[in-house]
């Protein structure tokens, strides 16, 4: 069973590098070619108004395309830096490279720095994301910042802060693997702040057993533990906790820490004791 640091290193090695979707671009080119043809065909009826509309639409599309292309290239460059951060020295070097770029207020750079910093200084990772001005961040990056900051809040017992962010995260505009992360964060925030049934409904849609969300399996199982406990379904909570222990016992250790629900803490302690992760609590014999 890999340790938490090994799992993080593996995740960084396997992180997806954003690519330009040439097939999608080709489809847009064909669509705009059709618009231009229709514009010229409509000249006898509406004059050159149709051609003018086609021109305006094309300019808007080109502007948006250039914006997305630049964002994709920036994301790819950051991913290339993160791929080398598989150990302490690599993380320090990656952080130095990101900080040297001078993009302290850039949302993508802040996300990357926070992911690296979270492994050694979670408080600083939270501070980095809290400094991001979401109003200036690209729309497709705003939810990534909210979800990652909410996750840090949840792990460190700030469920109310996480809920404020979770209420603003929209799964419908997430792409690919991000859907699992969003669902896990929202579900756990809901479960820990009075919306347990909504959390369970969400976790039925985004299941920890769905191969599509394999990268978010640990977080989805963790959210399921909280949702089941909040719904007073202790048997299901124990089952989710046992499965979580088989995947990542380090996450289960978090339930044993001070501040966790007493019953959940004892449940986690028993499971970890049986697994040999922590020593068994000796029974006191009464005389």
C-alpha atoms as a PDB file:
ATOM      1  CA  UNK A   1       0.000   0.000   0.000  1.00  0.00           C
ATOM      2  CA  UNK A   2       1.604   3.285  -1.035  1.00  0.00           C
ATOM      3  CA  UNK A   3       1.933   6.012   1.489  1.00  0.00           C
ATOM      4  CA  UNK A   4       0.262   9.402   1.162  1.00  0.00           C
ATOM      5  CA  UNK A   5       3.410  11.033  -0.215  1.00  0.00           C
ATOM      6  CA  UNK A   6       3.877   8.228  -2.734  1.00  0.00           C
ATOM      7  CA  UNK A   7       0.254   8.560  -3.838  1.00  0.00           C
ATOM      8  CA  UNK A   8       0.706  12.304  -4.304  1.00  0.00           C
ATOM      9  CA  UNK A   9       3.880  11.754  -6.311  1.00  0.00           C
ATOM     10  CA  UNK A  10       2.144   9.198  -8.530  1.00  0.00           C
ATOM     11  CA  UNK A  11      -0.761  11.598  -9.079  1.00  0.00           C
ATOM     12  CA  UNK A  12       1.656  14.333 -10.172  1.00  0.00           C
ATOM     13  CA  UNK A  13       3.425  11.978 -12.571  1.00  0.00           C
ATOM     14  CA  UNK A  14       0.103  10.980 -14.125  1.00  0.00           C
ATOM     15  CA  UNK A  15      -1.444  14.447 -14.265  1.00  0.00           C
ATOM     16  CA  UNK A  16      -3.042  15.149 -17.643  1.00  0.00           C
ATOM     17  CA  UNK A  17      -1.344  17.710 -19.861  1.00  0.00           C
ATOM     18  CA  UNK A  18      -3.934  20.031 -21.455  1.00  0.00           C
ATOM     19  CA  UNK A  19      -4.016  19.684 -25.237  1.00  0.00           C
ATOM     20  CA  UNK A  20      -5.450  21.721 -28.057  1.00  0.00           C
ATOM     21  CA  UNK A  21      -8.533  19.886 -29.347  1.00  0.00           C
ATOM     22  CA  UNK A  22      -7.932  20.115 -33.066  1.00  0.00           C
ATOM     23  CA  UNK A  23     -11.029  18.074 -33.936  1.00  0.00           C
ATOM     24  CA  UNK A  24     -13.221  20.594 -32.128  1.00  0.00           C
ATOM     25  CA  UNK A  25     -11.430  23.458 -33.872  1.00  0.00           C
ATOM     26  CA  UNK A  26     -11.993  21.777 -37.239  1.00  0.00           C
ATOM     27  CA  UNK A  27     -15.709  21.474 -36.473  1.00  0.00           C
ATOM     28  CA  UNK A  28     -15.892  25.189 -35.668  1.00  0.00           C
ATOM     29  CA  UNK A  29     -14.042  26.054 -38.877  1.00  0.00           C
ATOM     30  CA  UNK A  30     -16.560  24.051 -40.903  1.00  0.00           C
ATOM     31  CA  UNK A  31     -19.461  25.688 -39.051  1.00  0.00           C
ATOM     32  CA  UNK A  32     -18.159  29.202 -39.745  1.00  0.00           C
ATOM     33  CA  UNK A  33     -17.481  28.332 -43.366  1.00  0.00           C
ATOM     34  CA  UNK A  34     -21.166  27.442 -43.662  1.00  0.00           C
ATOM     35  CA  UNK A  35     -22.124  30.753 -41.996  1.00  0.00           C
ATOM     36  CA  UNK A  36     -20.016  32.677 -44.537  1.00  0.00           C
ATOM     37  CA  UNK A  37     -21.575  30.787 -47.450  1.00  0.00           C
ATOM     38  CA  UNK A  38     -25.066  31.508 -46.134  1.00  0.00           C
ATOM     39  CA  UNK A  39     -24.114  35.174 -45.648  1.00  0.00           C
ATOM     40  CA  UNK A  40     -23.075  35.566 -49.289  1.00  0.00           C
ATOM     41  CA  UNK A  41     -26.096  33.605 -50.459  1.00  0.00           C
ATOM     42  CA  UNK A  42     -28.342  36.055 -48.582  1.00  0.00           C
ATOM     43  CA  UNK A  43     -26.821  39.145 -50.303  1.00  0.00           C
ATOM     44  CA  UNK A  44     -29.606  39.420 -52.919  1.00  0.00           C
ATOM     45  CA  UNK A  45     -32.194  39.507 -50.122  1.00  0.00           C
ATOM     46  CA  UNK A  46     -30.622  41.441 -47.236  1.00  0.00           C
ATOM     47  CA  UNK A  47     -27.620  43.039 -48.898  1.00  0.00           C
ATOM     48  CA  UNK A  48     -24.264  42.674 -47.171  1.00  0.00           C
ATOM     49  CA  UNK A  49     -25.822  42.566 -43.710  1.00  0.00           C
ATOM     50  CA  UNK A  50     -25.504  38.775 -43.663  1.00  0.00           C
ATOM     51  CA  UNK A  51     -21.808  38.991 -44.570  1.00  0.00           C
ATOM     52  CA  UNK A  52     -21.306  41.605 -41.854  1.00  0.00           C
ATOM     53  CA  UNK A  53     -22.925  39.354 -39.242  1.00  0.00           C
ATOM     54  CA  UNK A  54     -20.720  36.460 -40.367  1.00  0.00           C
ATOM     55  CA  UNK A  55     -17.663  38.702 -40.024  1.00  0.00           C
ATOM     56  CA  UNK A  56     -18.577  39.847 -36.519  1.00  0.00           C
ATOM     57  CA  UNK A  57     -19.251  36.292 -35.362  1.00  0.00           C
ATOM     58  CA  UNK A  58     -15.948  35.157 -36.835  1.00  0.00           C
ATOM     59  CA  UNK A  59     -14.005  37.912 -35.055  1.00  0.00           C
ATOM     60  CA  UNK A  60     -15.652  37.073 -31.729  1.00  0.00           C
ATOM     61  CA  UNK A  61     -14.877  33.374 -32.222  1.00  0.00           C
ATOM     62  CA  UNK A  62     -11.266  34.121 -33.148  1.00  0.00           C
ATOM     63  CA  UNK A  63     -10.833  36.285 -30.061  1.00  0.00           C
ATOM     64  CA  UNK A  64     -12.251  33.564 -27.821  1.00  0.00           C
ATOM     65  CA  UNK A  65     -10.161  30.917 -29.585  1.00  0.00           C
ATOM     66  CA  UNK A  66      -6.937  32.856 -29.025  1.00  0.00           C
ATOM     67  CA  UNK A  67      -7.880  33.314 -25.344  1.00  0.00           C
ATOM     68  CA  UNK A  68      -8.506  29.566 -24.891  1.00  0.00           C
ATOM     69  CA  UNK A  69      -5.306  28.700 -26.771  1.00  0.00           C
ATOM     70  CA  UNK A  70      -3.216  30.929 -24.508  1.00  0.00           C
ATOM     71  CA  UNK A  71      -4.906  29.506 -21.415  1.00  0.00           C
ATOM     72  CA  UNK A  72      -4.274  25.943 -22.644  1.00  0.00           C
ATOM     73  CA  UNK A  73      -0.602  26.659 -23.293  1.00  0.00           C
ATOM     74  CA  UNK A  74      -0.216  28.286 -19.869  1.00  0.00           C
ATOM     75  CA  UNK A  75      -1.890  25.268 -18.223  1.00  0.00           C
ATOM     76  CA  UNK A  76       0.359  22.867 -20.143  1.00  0.00           C
ATOM     77  CA  UNK A  77       3.475  24.766 -19.044  1.00  0.00           C
ATOM     78  CA  UNK A  78       2.368  24.575 -15.389  1.00  0.00           C
ATOM     79  CA  UNK A  79       1.607  20.851 -15.705  1.00  0.00           C
ATOM     80  CA  UNK A  80       5.111  20.278 -17.088  1.00  0.00           C
ATOM     81  CA  UNK A  81       6.511  21.944 -13.959  1.00  0.00           C
ATOM     82  CA  UNK A  82       4.286  19.870 -11.640  1.00  0.00           C
ATOM     83  CA  UNK A  83       5.292  16.566 -13.242  1.00  0.00           C
ATOM     84  CA  UNK A  84       8.767  16.929 -11.792  1.00  0.00           C
ATOM     85  CA  UNK A  85       7.530  17.552  -8.242  1.00  0.00           C
ATOM     86  CA  UNK A  86       7.536  13.902  -7.159  1.00  0.00           C
ATOM     87  CA  UNK A  87       9.751  14.325  -4.071  1.00  0.00           C
ATOM     88  CA  UNK A  88      10.758  17.060  -1.628  1.00  0.00           C
ATOM     89  CA  UNK A  89      13.541  18.393  -3.839  1.00  0.00           C
ATOM     90  CA  UNK A  90      11.277  18.306  -6.881  1.00  0.00           C
ATOM     91  CA  UNK A  91       8.517  20.184  -5.032  1.00  0.00           C
ATOM     92  CA  UNK A  92      10.938  22.871  -3.905  1.00  0.00           C
ATOM     93  CA  UNK A  93      12.291  23.264  -7.428  1.00  0.00           C
ATOM     94  CA  UNK A  94       8.765  23.416  -8.884  1.00  0.00           C
ATOM     95  CA  UNK A  95       7.692  26.022  -6.340  1.00  0.00           C
ATOM     96  CA  UNK A  96      10.759  28.097  -7.127  1.00  0.00           C
ATOM     97  CA  UNK A  97       9.995  27.959 -10.864  1.00  0.00           C
ATOM     98  CA  UNK A  98       6.365  28.942 -10.319  1.00  0.00           C
ATOM     99  CA  UNK A  99       7.276  31.792  -7.993  1.00  0.00           C
ATOM    100  CA  UNK A 100       9.979  32.989 -10.413  1.00  0.00           C
ATOM    101  CA  UNK A 101       7.339  33.446 -13.102  1.00  0.00           C
ATOM    102  CA  UNK A 102       5.964  36.326 -11.025  1.00  0.00           C
ATOM    103  CA  UNK A 103       2.305  35.333 -11.468  1.00  0.00           C
ATOM    104  CA  UNK A 104       1.403  35.683  -7.779  1.00  0.00           C
ATOM    105  CA  UNK A 105      -2.123  36.794  -8.612  1.00  0.00           C
ATOM    106  CA  UNK A 106      -2.643  34.279 -11.420  1.00  0.00           C
ATOM    107  CA  UNK A 107      -5.253  31.655 -10.562  1.00  0.00           C
ATOM    108  CA  UNK A 108      -3.559  28.800 -12.448  1.00  0.00           C
ATOM    109  CA  UNK A 109      -0.192  29.480 -10.843  1.00  0.00           C
ATOM    110  CA  UNK A 110      -1.836  29.809  -7.414  1.00  0.00           C
ATOM    111  CA  UNK A 111      -3.567  26.441  -7.851  1.00  0.00           C
ATOM    112  CA  UNK A 112      -0.292  24.753  -8.748  1.00  0.00           C
ATOM    113  CA  UNK A 113       1.560  26.359  -5.839  1.00  0.00           C
ATOM    114  CA  UNK A 114      -1.210  25.421  -3.401  1.00  0.00           C
ATOM    115  CA  UNK A 115      -1.168  21.793  -4.544  1.00  0.00           C
ATOM    116  CA  UNK A 116       2.568  21.616  -3.909  1.00  0.00           C
ATOM    117  CA  UNK A 117       2.427  23.510  -0.616  1.00  0.00           C
ATOM    118  CA  UNK A 118      -0.502  21.465   0.752  1.00  0.00           C
ATOM    119  CA  UNK A 119       1.792  18.493   1.345  1.00  0.00           C
ATOM    120  CA  UNK A 120       4.096  20.380   3.724  1.00  0.00           C
ATOM    121  CA  UNK A 121       2.225  23.507   4.857  1.00  0.00           C
ATOM    122  CA  UNK A 122      -1.588  23.279   4.454  1.00  0.00           C
ATOM    123  CA  UNK A 123      -2.117  26.661   6.151  1.00  0.00           C
ATOM    124  CA  UNK A 124       0.060  28.387   3.554  1.00  0.00           C
ATOM    125  CA  UNK A 125      -1.716  26.467   0.772  1.00  0.00           C
ATOM    126  CA  UNK A 126      -5.041  27.835   2.023  1.00  0.00           C
ATOM    127  CA  UNK A 127      -3.577  31.345   2.219  1.00  0.00           C
ATOM    128  CA  UNK A 128      -2.376  31.110  -1.400  1.00  0.00           C
ATOM    129  CA  UNK A 129      -5.842  30.202  -2.668  1.00  0.00           C
ATOM    130  CA  UNK A 130      -7.557  32.751  -0.421  1.00  0.00           C
ATOM    131  CA  UNK A 131      -5.506  35.480  -2.076  1.00  0.00           C
ATOM    132  CA  UNK A 132      -6.825  34.643  -5.553  1.00  0.00           C
ATOM    133  CA  UNK A 133      -9.218  37.267  -6.925  1.00  0.00           C
ATOM    134  CA  UNK A 134     -11.880  35.017  -8.437  1.00  0.00           C
ATOM    135  CA  UNK A 135     -13.459  37.926 -10.301  1.00  0.00           C
ATOM    136  CA  UNK A 136     -10.284  38.209 -12.383  1.00  0.00           C
ATOM    137  CA  UNK A 137      -9.797  34.459 -12.815  1.00  0.00           C
ATOM    138  CA  UNK A 138     -10.961  32.666 -15.979  1.00  0.00           C
ATOM    139  CA  UNK A 139     -14.466  31.224 -15.549  1.00  0.00           C
ATOM    140  CA  UNK A 140     -13.218  27.680 -16.146  1.00  0.00           C
ATOM    141  CA  UNK A 141     -10.626  28.069 -13.357  1.00  0.00           C
ATOM    142  CA  UNK A 142     -12.829  29.685 -10.701  1.00  0.00           C
ATOM    143  CA  UNK A 143     -14.478  26.414  -9.659  1.00  0.00           C
ATOM    144  CA  UNK A 144     -11.089  24.674  -9.483  1.00  0.00           C
ATOM    145  CA  UNK A 145      -9.938  27.280  -6.968  1.00  0.00           C
ATOM    146  CA  UNK A 146     -13.177  27.007  -4.962  1.00  0.00           C
ATOM    147  CA  UNK A 147     -13.125  23.186  -4.927  1.00  0.00           C
ATOM    148  CA  UNK A 148      -9.473  22.899  -3.907  1.00  0.00           C
ATOM    149  CA  UNK A 149      -9.793  25.553  -1.197  1.00  0.00           C
ATOM    150  CA  UNK A 150     -13.001  23.931   0.089  1.00  0.00           C
ATOM    151  CA  UNK A 151     -11.203  20.579   0.252  1.00  0.00           C
ATOM    152  CA  UNK A 152      -8.442  22.108   2.373  1.00  0.00           C
ATOM    153  CA  UNK A 153     -11.078  23.653   4.635  1.00  0.00           C
ATOM    154  CA  UNK A 154     -12.818  20.282   5.061  1.00  0.00           C
ATOM    155  CA  UNK A 155      -9.616  18.426   5.878  1.00  0.00           C
ATOM    156  CA  UNK A 156      -8.808  21.011   8.553  1.00  0.00           C
ATOM    157  CA  UNK A 157     -12.223  21.140  10.211  1.00  0.00           C
ATOM    158  CA  UNK A 158     -13.610  24.299   8.588  1.00  0.00           C
ATOM    159  CA  UNK A 159     -16.827  22.811   7.233  1.00  0.00           C
ATOM    160  CA  UNK A 160     -18.766  26.103   7.284  1.00  0.00           C
ATOM    161  CA  UNK A 161     -16.104  27.847   5.216  1.00  0.00           C
ATOM    162  CA  UNK A 162     -16.105  24.914   2.807  1.00  0.00           C
ATOM    163  CA  UNK A 163     -19.892  25.061   2.480  1.00  0.00           C
ATOM    164  CA  UNK A 164     -19.783  28.720   1.422  1.00  0.00           C
ATOM    165  CA  UNK A 165     -17.511  27.757  -1.467  1.00  0.00           C
ATOM    166  CA  UNK A 166     -19.294  24.481  -2.279  1.00  0.00           C
ATOM    167  CA  UNK A 167     -22.574  26.325  -2.810  1.00  0.00           C
ATOM    168  CA  UNK A 168     -20.901  28.239  -5.653  1.00  0.00           C
ATOM    169  CA  UNK A 169     -19.231  25.272  -7.383  1.00  0.00           C
ATOM    170  CA  UNK A 170     -21.003  24.064 -10.527  1.00  0.00           C
ATOM    171  CA  UNK A 171     -20.411  20.441 -11.491  1.00  0.00           C
ATOM    172  CA  UNK A 172     -22.162  20.931 -14.826  1.00  0.00           C
ATOM    173  CA  UNK A 173     -19.302  23.032 -16.179  1.00  0.00           C
ATOM    174  CA  UNK A 174     -16.531  20.756 -14.887  1.00  0.00           C
ATOM    175  CA  UNK A 175     -14.496  18.805 -17.409  1.00  0.00           C
ATOM    176  CA  UNK A 176     -13.435  15.165 -17.153  1.00  0.00           C
ATOM    177  CA  UNK A 177     -11.858  14.097 -13.877  1.00  0.00           C
ATOM    178  CA  UNK A 178     -12.750  17.366 -12.142  1.00  0.00           C
ATOM    179  CA  UNK A 179     -16.369  16.213 -11.791  1.00  0.00           C
ATOM    180  CA  UNK A 180     -15.404  13.633  -9.173  1.00  0.00           C
ATOM    181  CA  UNK A 181     -13.467  16.180  -7.110  1.00  0.00           C
ATOM    182  CA  UNK A 182     -16.306  18.703  -7.279  1.00  0.00           C
ATOM    183  CA  UNK A 183     -18.901  16.106  -6.276  1.00  0.00           C
ATOM    184  CA  UNK A 184     -16.822  14.848  -3.330  1.00  0.00           C
ATOM    185  CA  UNK A 185     -16.189  18.335  -1.988  1.00  0.00           C
ATOM    186  CA  UNK A 186     -19.808  19.456  -2.369  1.00  0.00           C
ATOM    187  CA  UNK A 187     -21.174  16.235  -0.857  1.00  0.00           C
ATOM    188  CA  UNK A 188     -18.917  16.346   2.196  1.00  0.00           C
ATOM    189  CA  UNK A 189     -19.617  20.037   2.755  1.00  0.00           C
ATOM    190  CA  UNK A 190     -23.352  19.323   2.534  1.00  0.00           C
ATOM    191  CA  UNK A 191     -23.159  16.304   4.852  1.00  0.00           C
ATOM    192  CA  UNK A 192     -21.285  18.254   7.531  1.00  0.00           C
ATOM    193  CA  UNK A 193     -23.556  21.316   7.424  1.00  0.00           C
ATOM    194  CA  UNK A 194     -27.090  19.916   7.536  1.00  0.00           C
ATOM    195  CA  UNK A 195     -27.808  18.693   3.992  1.00  0.00           C
ATOM    196  CA  UNK A 196     -27.046  14.994   4.400  1.00  0.00           C
ATOM    197  CA  UNK A 197     -29.803  13.674   2.110  1.00  0.00           C
ATOM    198  CA  UNK A 198     -28.691  16.002  -0.693  1.00  0.00           C
ATOM    199  CA  UNK A 199     -25.144  14.742  -0.143  1.00  0.00           C
ATOM    200  CA  UNK A 200     -26.181  11.101  -0.487  1.00  0.00           C
ATOM    201  CA  UNK A 201     -28.191  11.852  -3.632  1.00  0.00           C
ATOM    202  CA  UNK A 202     -25.154  13.524  -5.173  1.00  0.00           C
ATOM    203  CA  UNK A 203     -22.919  10.568  -4.257  1.00  0.00           C
ATOM    204  CA  UNK A 204     -25.342   8.172  -5.945  1.00  0.00           C
ATOM    205  CA  UNK A 205     -24.803  10.104  -9.174  1.00  0.00           C
ATOM    206  CA  UNK A 206     -21.030  10.404  -8.768  1.00  0.00           C
ATOM    207  CA  UNK A 207     -20.166   7.034  -7.269  1.00  0.00           C
ATOM    208  CA  UNK A 208     -16.782   6.140  -5.822  1.00  0.00           C
ATOM    209  CA  UNK A 209     -17.069   2.847  -7.721  1.00  0.00           C
ATOM    210  CA  UNK A 210     -17.455   4.489 -11.123  1.00  0.00           C
ATOM    211  CA  UNK A 211     -14.173   4.010 -13.085  1.00  0.00           C
ATOM    212  CA  UNK A 212     -14.629   7.490 -14.526  1.00  0.00           C
ATOM    213  CA  UNK A 213     -14.034   8.980 -11.064  1.00  0.00           C
ATOM    214  CA  UNK A 214     -11.226   6.633 -10.010  1.00  0.00           C
ATOM    215  CA  UNK A 215      -8.882   9.565  -9.315  1.00  0.00           C
ATOM    216  CA  UNK A 216     -11.389  10.983  -6.812  1.00  0.00           C
ATOM    217  CA  UNK A 217     -12.292   7.641  -5.215  1.00  0.00           C
ATOM    218  CA  UNK A 218     -10.692   8.409  -1.846  1.00  0.00           C
ATOM    219  CA  UNK A 219     -12.453  11.765  -1.548  1.00  0.00           C
ATOM    220  CA  UNK A 220     -15.796  10.315  -2.664  1.00  0.00           C
ATOM    221  CA  UNK A 221     -15.542   7.513  -0.075  1.00  0.00           C
ATOM    222  CA  UNK A 222     -14.632  10.038   2.606  1.00  0.00           C
ATOM    223  CA  UNK A 223     -17.663  12.140   1.699  1.00  0.00           C
ATOM    224  CA  UNK A 224     -19.823   9.013   1.791  1.00  0.00           C
ATOM    225  CA  UNK A 225     -18.686   8.260   5.354  1.00  0.00           C
ATOM    226  CA  UNK A 226     -19.826  11.689   6.505  1.00  0.00           C
ATOM    227  CA  UNK A 227     -23.089  11.496   4.534  1.00  0.00           C
ATOM    228  CA  UNK A 228     -24.026   8.092   5.950  1.00  0.00           C
ATOM    229  CA  UNK A 229     -23.191   9.134   9.507  1.00  0.00           C
ATOM    230  CA  UNK A 230     -25.237  12.318   9.151  1.00  0.00           C
ATOM    231  CA  UNK A 231     -28.184  10.226   7.898  1.00  0.00           C
ATOM    232  CA  UNK A 232     -27.706   7.874  10.896  1.00  0.00           C
ATOM    233  CA  UNK A 233     -26.904   4.942   8.597  1.00  0.00           C
ATOM    234  CA  UNK A 234     -24.045   3.662  10.721  1.00  0.00           C
ATOM    235  CA  UNK A 235     -23.757   0.304   8.938  1.00  0.00           C
ATOM    236  CA  UNK A 236     -23.212   2.003   5.578  1.00  0.00           C
ATOM    237  CA  UNK A 237     -20.802   4.492   7.176  1.00  0.00           C
ATOM    238  CA  UNK A 238     -18.752   1.618   8.605  1.00  0.00           C
ATOM    239  CA  UNK A 239     -18.736  -0.144   5.221  1.00  0.00           C
ATOM    240  CA  UNK A 240     -17.510   3.024   3.463  1.00  0.00           C
ATOM    241  CA  UNK A 241     -14.881   3.513   6.176  1.00  0.00           C
ATOM    242  CA  UNK A 242     -13.622  -0.067   5.775  1.00  0.00           C
ATOM    243  CA  UNK A 243     -13.369   0.383   2.019  1.00  0.00           C
ATOM    244  CA  UNK A 244     -11.559   3.664   2.531  1.00  0.00           C
ATOM    245  CA  UNK A 245      -9.097   1.951   4.898  1.00  0.00           C
ATOM    246  CA  UNK A 246      -8.312  -0.641   2.222  1.00  0.00           C
ATOM    247  CA  UNK A 247      -7.607   2.107  -0.333  1.00  0.00           C
ATOM    248  CA  UNK A 248      -5.935   4.796   1.791  1.00  0.00           C
ATOM    249  CA  UNK A 249      -5.591   4.134   5.534  1.00  0.00           C
ATOM    250  CA  UNK A 250      -3.939   7.529   5.966  1.00  0.00           C
ATOM    251  CA  UNK A 251      -7.251   9.230   5.234  1.00  0.00           C
ATOM    252  CA  UNK A 252      -8.987   7.076   7.856  1.00  0.00           C
ATOM    253  CA  UNK A 253      -6.384   8.178  10.410  1.00  0.00           C
ATOM    254  CA  UNK A 254      -7.819  11.670   9.980  1.00  0.00           C
ATOM    255  CA  UNK A 255     -11.104  10.478  11.480  1.00  0.00           C
ATOM    256  CA  UNK A 256      -9.266   9.495  14.677  1.00  0.00           C
ATOM    257  CA  UNK A 257      -7.984  13.010  15.236  1.00  0.00           C
ATOM    258  CA  UNK A 258      -9.409  15.372  17.843  1.00  0.00           C
ATOM    259  CA  UNK A 259     -12.585  17.117  16.738  1.00  0.00           C
ATOM    260  CA  UNK A 260     -14.145  14.182  14.875  1.00  0.00           C
ATOM    261  CA  UNK A 261     -17.545  12.796  15.894  1.00  0.00           C
ATOM    262  CA  UNK A 262     -16.923  10.478  18.910  1.00  0.00           C
ATOM    263  CA  UNK A 263     -18.744   7.511  17.372  1.00  0.00           C
ATOM    264  CA  UNK A 264     -17.023   7.974  14.031  1.00  0.00           C
ATOM    265  CA  UNK A 265     -13.674   8.342  15.778  1.00  0.00           C
ATOM    266  CA  UNK A 266     -14.164   5.059  17.642  1.00  0.00           C
ATOM    267  CA  UNK A 267     -15.330   3.327  14.464  1.00  0.00           C
ATOM    268  CA  UNK A 268     -12.218   4.483  12.621  1.00  0.00           C
ATOM    269  CA  UNK A 269      -9.966   3.474  15.510  1.00  0.00           C
ATOM    270  CA  UNK A 270     -11.428  -0.072  15.554  1.00  0.00           C
ATOM    271  CA  UNK A 271     -10.976  -0.485  11.791  1.00  0.00           C
ATOM    272  CA  UNK A 272      -7.384   0.770  11.885  1.00  0.00           C
ATOM    273  CA  UNK A 273      -6.590  -1.439  14.882  1.00  0.00           C
ATOM    274  CA  UNK A 274      -7.829  -4.548  13.068  1.00  0.00           C
ATOM    275  CA  UNK A 275      -5.797  -3.545  10.035  1.00  0.00           C
ATOM    276  CA  UNK A 276      -2.692  -3.154  12.194  1.00  0.00           C
ATOM    277  CA  UNK A 277      -2.255   0.503  11.274  1.00  0.00           C
ATOM    278  CA  UNK A 278      -2.488   1.666  14.886  1.00  0.00           C
ATOM    279  CA  UNK A 279      -1.976  -0.374  18.075  1.00  0.00           C
ATOM    280  CA  UNK A 280      -5.025  -1.858  19.715  1.00  0.00           C
ATOM    281  CA  UNK A 281      -6.321  -0.102  22.790  1.00  0.00           C
ATOM    282  CA  UNK A 282      -5.670  -2.440  25.738  1.00  0.00           C
ATOM    283  CA  UNK A 283      -8.753  -3.464  27.681  1.00  0.00           C
ATOM    284  CA  UNK A 284      -8.682  -2.618  31.369  1.00  0.00           C
ATOM    285  CA  UNK A 285      -9.597  -5.608  33.488  1.00  0.00           C
ATOM    286  CA  UNK A 286     -11.651  -4.817  36.520  1.00  0.00           C
ATOM    287  CA  UNK A 287     -10.823  -6.602  39.731  1.00  0.00           C
END
